[in-house]
């Protein structure tokens, strides 16, 4: 009797439990939509005034680095026709295409070769990236210059010019350059002059012409953001990624240039 009663109770308990097999549990539940609220603009005049002031302050801060660059480089930009005679020209790397200088870099090297032929510079310091065995900007730049009339003995290679600041600091501290003509595209030359001046190199800049293609517009846009980093580099003067020992390459090249036996006809250049 007890067993029958217990079975009836268990059956009744099972009948009270709903059968959910195959049922869509979320069918009868309404979906909840999530609404993203847009940020509200201040409604009061005081709040609006503060917003405008914040935007203006942000614009001023963004323009300060560019203003600094233009102030420093005001009268330091020249052309290949009127740049003062200087012992050393510095050419910054600008990428390789299949191991050869990119068109932008070739324009820079053409300007350096022209200055050498005009007798406005004696030595060309090529500075670029050689962080990988299969990528060697300085050697590619050297090869291009020698093919365009610059003697190999007048070319000095900096293999650790990973960015503009590194190149300027190394020109001063590693190669002993106190004064130089810097060669780059117009969108980059002001930053190069400002950074080299901050590194202790009295500089004139020659901005070479370039076709206004996608690369040119990219470079110009990039300079807006690079100006901020340049201002920080000039203010805090960090060491370059690789400093290394002092190298006598520029001194030797200048001594080579002063040797009358090295000159055409056995005479020194004027």
Protein backbone atom coordinates (compact mmCIF):
# COMPACT_ATOMS: atom_id res chain seq x y z
CA UNK A 1 0.00 0.00 0.00
CA UNK A 2 2.78 2.37 0.83
CA UNK A 3 4.54 1.54 -2.42
CA UNK A 4 1.43 2.34 -4.52
CA UNK A 5 0.92 5.61 -2.71
CA UNK A 6 4.55 6.61 -3.27
CA UNK A 7 4.32 5.86 -7.02
CA UNK A 8 1.19 7.99 -7.32
CA UNK A 9 2.89 10.89 -5.56
CA UNK A 10 5.94 10.71 -7.86
CA UNK A 11 3.70 10.62 -10.93
CA UNK A 12 1.83 13.70 -9.75
CA UNK A 13 5.09 15.54 -9.13
CA UNK A 14 6.29 14.77 -12.65
CA UNK A 15 3.02 16.03 -14.13
CA UNK A 16 3.55 19.39 -12.41
CA UNK A 17 6.91 19.92 -14.21
CA UNK A 18 6.47 21.47 -17.70
CA UNK A 19 8.03 19.62 -20.64
CA UNK A 20 10.55 21.98 -22.27
CA UNK A 21 11.94 19.57 -24.82
CA UNK A 22 11.96 21.13 -28.26
CA UNK A 23 10.42 24.31 -26.97
CA UNK A 24 11.67 27.74 -27.99
CA UNK A 25 12.41 29.27 -24.64
CA UNK A 26 12.78 32.78 -26.00
CA UNK A 27 9.77 32.64 -28.34
CA UNK A 28 7.37 34.40 -26.04
CA UNK A 29 9.92 36.83 -24.62
CA UNK A 30 10.13 40.26 -26.26
CA UNK A 31 13.62 41.25 -27.48
CA UNK A 32 15.15 44.12 -25.60
CA UNK A 33 16.67 46.78 -27.81
CA UNK A 34 19.76 48.64 -26.68
CA UNK A 35 19.78 52.33 -27.51
CA UNK A 36 23.11 54.15 -27.62
CA UNK A 37 22.76 57.62 -26.35
CA UNK A 38 24.51 60.36 -28.26
CA UNK A 39 26.68 62.68 -26.24
CA UNK A 40 24.73 65.76 -25.40
CA UNK A 41 26.14 69.16 -26.16
CA UNK A 42 26.03 71.61 -23.32
CA UNK A 43 22.79 73.57 -23.35
CA UNK A 44 23.84 76.49 -21.22
CA UNK A 45 25.85 79.37 -22.59
CA UNK A 46 28.51 78.76 -20.00
CA UNK A 47 28.89 75.14 -21.05
CA UNK A 48 29.00 76.06 -24.72
CA UNK A 49 31.62 78.70 -24.01
CA UNK A 50 33.78 76.15 -22.21
CA UNK A 51 33.44 73.70 -25.10
CA UNK A 52 34.55 76.33 -27.61
CA UNK A 53 37.47 77.28 -25.38
CA UNK A 54 38.53 73.64 -25.09
CA UNK A 55 38.41 73.18 -28.87
CA UNK A 56 40.41 76.36 -29.43
CA UNK A 57 42.99 75.32 -26.84
CA UNK A 58 43.35 71.95 -28.55
CA UNK A 59 43.90 73.63 -31.92
CA UNK A 60 46.53 75.95 -30.45
CA UNK A 61 48.38 73.06 -28.82
CA UNK A 62 48.28 71.11 -32.08
CA UNK A 63 49.74 74.05 -34.01
CA UNK A 64 52.49 74.89 -31.52
CA UNK A 65 55.03 72.34 -32.88
CA UNK A 66 54.51 73.54 -36.46
CA UNK A 67 54.83 77.15 -35.32
CA UNK A 68 58.09 76.28 -33.57
CA UNK A 69 59.46 74.66 -36.74
CA UNK A 70 58.57 77.63 -38.93
CA UNK A 71 60.11 80.04 -36.42
CA UNK A 72 63.39 78.12 -36.19
CA UNK A 73 63.74 77.62 -39.94
CA UNK A 74 62.55 81.04 -41.06
CA UNK A 75 65.60 82.07 -43.14
CA UNK A 76 67.38 78.71 -43.28
CA UNK A 77 65.71 77.33 -46.41
CA UNK A 78 67.51 77.81 -49.71
CA UNK A 79 67.78 76.34 -53.20
CA UNK A 80 70.66 74.58 -54.92
CA UNK A 81 71.42 77.91 -56.60
CA UNK A 82 71.81 80.11 -53.52
CA UNK A 83 72.70 77.81 -50.62
CA UNK A 84 75.94 78.93 -48.91
CA UNK A 85 79.04 76.87 -49.52
CA UNK A 86 79.41 74.26 -46.76
CA UNK A 87 81.80 71.37 -46.33
CA UNK A 88 79.14 68.73 -45.68
CA UNK A 89 75.77 67.89 -47.21
CA UNK A 90 73.48 65.48 -45.36
CA UNK A 91 71.02 63.40 -47.38
CA UNK A 92 68.28 61.61 -45.44
CA UNK A 93 67.06 58.20 -46.55
CA UNK A 94 63.62 57.89 -48.13
CA UNK A 95 63.14 54.23 -48.93
CA UNK A 96 64.34 51.71 -51.49
CA UNK A 97 62.54 50.06 -54.38
CA UNK A 98 64.01 46.67 -55.21
CA UNK A 99 67.30 47.70 -53.63
CA UNK A 100 67.52 51.02 -55.49
CA UNK A 101 66.68 54.53 -54.23
CA UNK A 102 63.01 55.37 -54.48
CA UNK A 103 62.09 58.28 -56.78
CA UNK A 104 61.89 60.62 -53.80
CA UNK A 105 65.30 59.55 -52.55
CA UNK A 106 66.74 59.81 -56.07
CA UNK A 107 65.62 63.46 -56.22
CA UNK A 108 67.48 64.15 -52.98
CA UNK A 109 70.62 62.46 -54.26
CA UNK A 110 70.41 64.36 -57.55
CA UNK A 111 70.42 67.62 -55.58
CA UNK A 112 73.44 66.48 -53.55
CA UNK A 113 75.34 65.53 -56.72
CA UNK A 114 74.48 68.91 -58.21
CA UNK A 115 75.80 70.76 -55.15
CA UNK A 116 79.00 68.74 -55.35
CA UNK A 117 79.49 69.54 -59.04
CA UNK A 118 78.89 73.22 -58.30
CA UNK A 119 81.59 73.16 -55.62
CA UNK A 120 79.11 74.10 -52.87
CA UNK A 121 79.83 70.97 -50.81
CA UNK A 122 82.89 68.76 -50.45
CA UNK A 123 81.50 65.71 -48.67
CA UNK A 124 78.12 64.00 -48.75
CA UNK A 125 76.94 62.21 -45.60
CA UNK A 126 74.23 59.69 -46.52
CA UNK A 127 72.17 58.61 -43.53
CA UNK A 128 69.56 55.88 -43.54
CA UNK A 129 68.30 52.54 -42.33
CA UNK A 130 70.43 49.38 -42.35
CA UNK A 131 68.64 47.50 -39.57
CA UNK A 132 68.31 44.38 -41.75
CA UNK A 133 70.83 42.57 -43.91
CA UNK A 134 68.52 42.77 -46.91
CA UNK A 135 67.84 46.50 -46.56
CA UNK A 136 70.73 48.95 -46.87
CA UNK A 137 69.80 52.55 -47.66
CA UNK A 138 73.28 54.08 -47.21
CA UNK A 139 75.00 51.68 -49.63
CA UNK A 140 72.26 52.17 -52.22
CA UNK A 141 72.65 55.94 -51.84
CA UNK A 142 76.42 55.69 -52.17
CA UNK A 143 76.10 53.64 -55.35
CA UNK A 144 73.69 56.16 -56.86
CA UNK A 145 75.98 59.10 -56.08
CA UNK A 146 79.06 57.44 -57.54
CA UNK A 147 77.12 56.74 -60.74
CA UNK A 148 76.28 60.44 -60.88
CA UNK A 149 79.78 61.80 -60.55
CA UNK A 150 80.50 61.98 -56.82
CA UNK A 151 83.79 60.20 -55.97
CA UNK A 152 83.46 57.36 -53.50
CA UNK A 153 86.02 59.01 -51.23
CA UNK A 154 83.72 62.02 -50.79
CA UNK A 155 80.81 59.93 -49.52
CA UNK A 156 80.36 58.95 -45.86
CA UNK A 157 77.73 56.43 -44.75
CA UNK A 158 75.71 56.52 -41.54
CA UNK A 159 74.06 53.12 -41.19
CA UNK A 160 71.99 53.97 -38.10
CA UNK A 161 69.95 56.94 -39.30
CA UNK A 162 66.66 55.34 -38.29
CA UNK A 163 64.80 58.64 -38.11
CA UNK A 164 65.50 62.34 -38.55
CA UNK A 165 66.46 62.96 -34.93
CA UNK A 166 68.84 60.00 -34.89
CA UNK A 167 70.49 61.22 -38.10
CA UNK A 168 70.97 64.75 -36.75
CA UNK A 169 72.37 63.63 -33.39
CA UNK A 170 74.73 61.13 -35.00
CA UNK A 171 75.91 63.71 -37.54
CA UNK A 172 76.98 65.90 -34.62
CA UNK A 173 78.17 63.42 -32.00
CA UNK A 174 79.46 60.54 -34.12
CA UNK A 175 80.73 62.24 -37.27
CA UNK A 176 81.65 65.63 -35.80
CA UNK A 177 79.56 67.72 -38.20
CA UNK A 178 79.13 71.28 -36.94
CA UNK A 179 77.59 72.80 -40.06
CA UNK A 180 75.76 71.20 -42.96
CA UNK A 181 73.41 71.58 -45.88
CA UNK A 182 70.44 69.28 -45.41
CA UNK A 183 68.67 67.84 -48.44
CA UNK A 184 65.13 66.47 -48.40
CA UNK A 185 61.67 67.06 -49.84
CA UNK A 186 59.93 70.33 -49.10
CA UNK A 187 57.40 68.78 -46.72
CA UNK A 188 60.21 67.32 -44.56
CA UNK A 189 63.01 69.86 -44.78
CA UNK A 190 61.76 72.24 -42.08
CA UNK A 191 61.59 69.44 -39.53
CA UNK A 192 65.06 68.27 -40.54
CA UNK A 193 66.55 71.74 -40.11
CA UNK A 194 64.80 72.33 -36.79
CA UNK A 195 65.99 69.01 -35.37
CA UNK A 196 69.56 69.39 -36.58
CA UNK A 197 69.70 72.88 -35.12
CA UNK A 198 68.47 71.42 -31.82
CA UNK A 199 71.17 68.73 -32.06
CA UNK A 200 73.89 71.37 -32.47
CA UNK A 201 74.37 71.33 -36.24
CA UNK A 202 74.11 74.77 -37.86
CA UNK A 203 72.00 73.93 -40.88
CA UNK A 204 70.65 75.21 -44.15
CA UNK A 205 67.92 73.24 -45.85
CA UNK A 206 67.43 72.55 -49.54
CA UNK A 207 63.93 71.30 -50.30
CA UNK A 208 63.86 69.45 -53.61
CA UNK A 209 60.85 69.48 -55.91
CA UNK A 210 58.54 66.49 -55.99
CA UNK A 211 55.48 65.44 -57.94
CA UNK A 212 52.33 65.98 -55.90
CA UNK A 213 51.29 62.35 -55.91
CA UNK A 214 49.86 60.12 -53.19
CA UNK A 215 53.27 59.84 -51.51
CA UNK A 216 53.62 63.62 -51.41
CA UNK A 217 50.22 64.09 -49.79
CA UNK A 218 50.92 61.28 -47.34
CA UNK A 219 54.24 62.87 -46.42
CA UNK A 220 52.64 66.26 -45.91
CA UNK A 221 49.92 64.80 -43.70
CA UNK A 222 52.45 62.79 -41.74
CA UNK A 223 54.44 65.93 -40.98
CA UNK A 224 51.51 67.35 -39.03
CA UNK A 225 51.85 64.55 -36.50
CA UNK A 226 55.64 64.25 -36.79
CA UNK A 227 55.99 67.88 -35.74
CA UNK A 228 54.80 66.96 -32.25
CA UNK A 229 57.42 64.25 -31.87
CA UNK A 230 60.06 66.60 -33.25
CA UNK A 231 59.22 69.21 -30.63
CA UNK A 232 59.52 66.59 -27.89
CA UNK A 233 62.85 65.37 -29.28
CA UNK A 234 64.18 68.91 -29.38
CA UNK A 235 62.98 69.58 -25.83
CA UNK A 236 64.16 66.38 -24.14
CA UNK A 237 67.05 65.45 -26.50
CA UNK A 238 66.95 61.66 -26.14
CA UNK A 239 69.87 59.54 -27.27
CA UNK A 240 69.44 57.93 -30.68
CA UNK A 241 68.49 54.28 -30.93
CA UNK A 242 72.12 53.43 -31.59
CA UNK A 243 74.89 55.87 -30.73
CA UNK A 244 78.14 53.95 -30.91
CA UNK A 245 81.72 55.26 -30.96
CA UNK A 246 82.89 58.33 -32.80
CA UNK A 247 83.73 57.76 -36.46
CA UNK A 248 86.34 59.74 -38.43
CA UNK A 249 84.64 59.28 -41.81
CA UNK A 250 83.82 62.95 -42.44
CA UNK A 251 87.26 64.14 -41.30
CA UNK A 252 88.95 61.65 -43.61
CA UNK A 253 86.73 62.59 -46.53
CA UNK A 254 87.52 66.28 -46.03
CA UNK A 255 91.24 65.48 -45.85
CA UNK A 256 90.82 63.46 -49.04
CA UNK A 257 89.16 66.49 -50.63
CA UNK A 258 92.06 68.74 -49.64
CA UNK A 259 94.69 66.43 -51.16
CA UNK A 260 95.75 68.11 -54.46
CA UNK A 261 96.75 64.75 -55.91
CA UNK A 262 93.14 63.62 -55.64
CA UNK A 263 91.83 66.51 -57.73
CA UNK A 264 91.53 66.60 -61.52
CA UNK A 265 94.73 68.04 -62.95
CA UNK A 266 96.47 67.78 -59.59
CA UNK A 267 94.90 71.01 -58.30
CA UNK A 268 92.65 71.73 -55.39
CA UNK A 269 89.10 72.71 -56.06
CA UNK A 270 88.35 76.38 -55.50
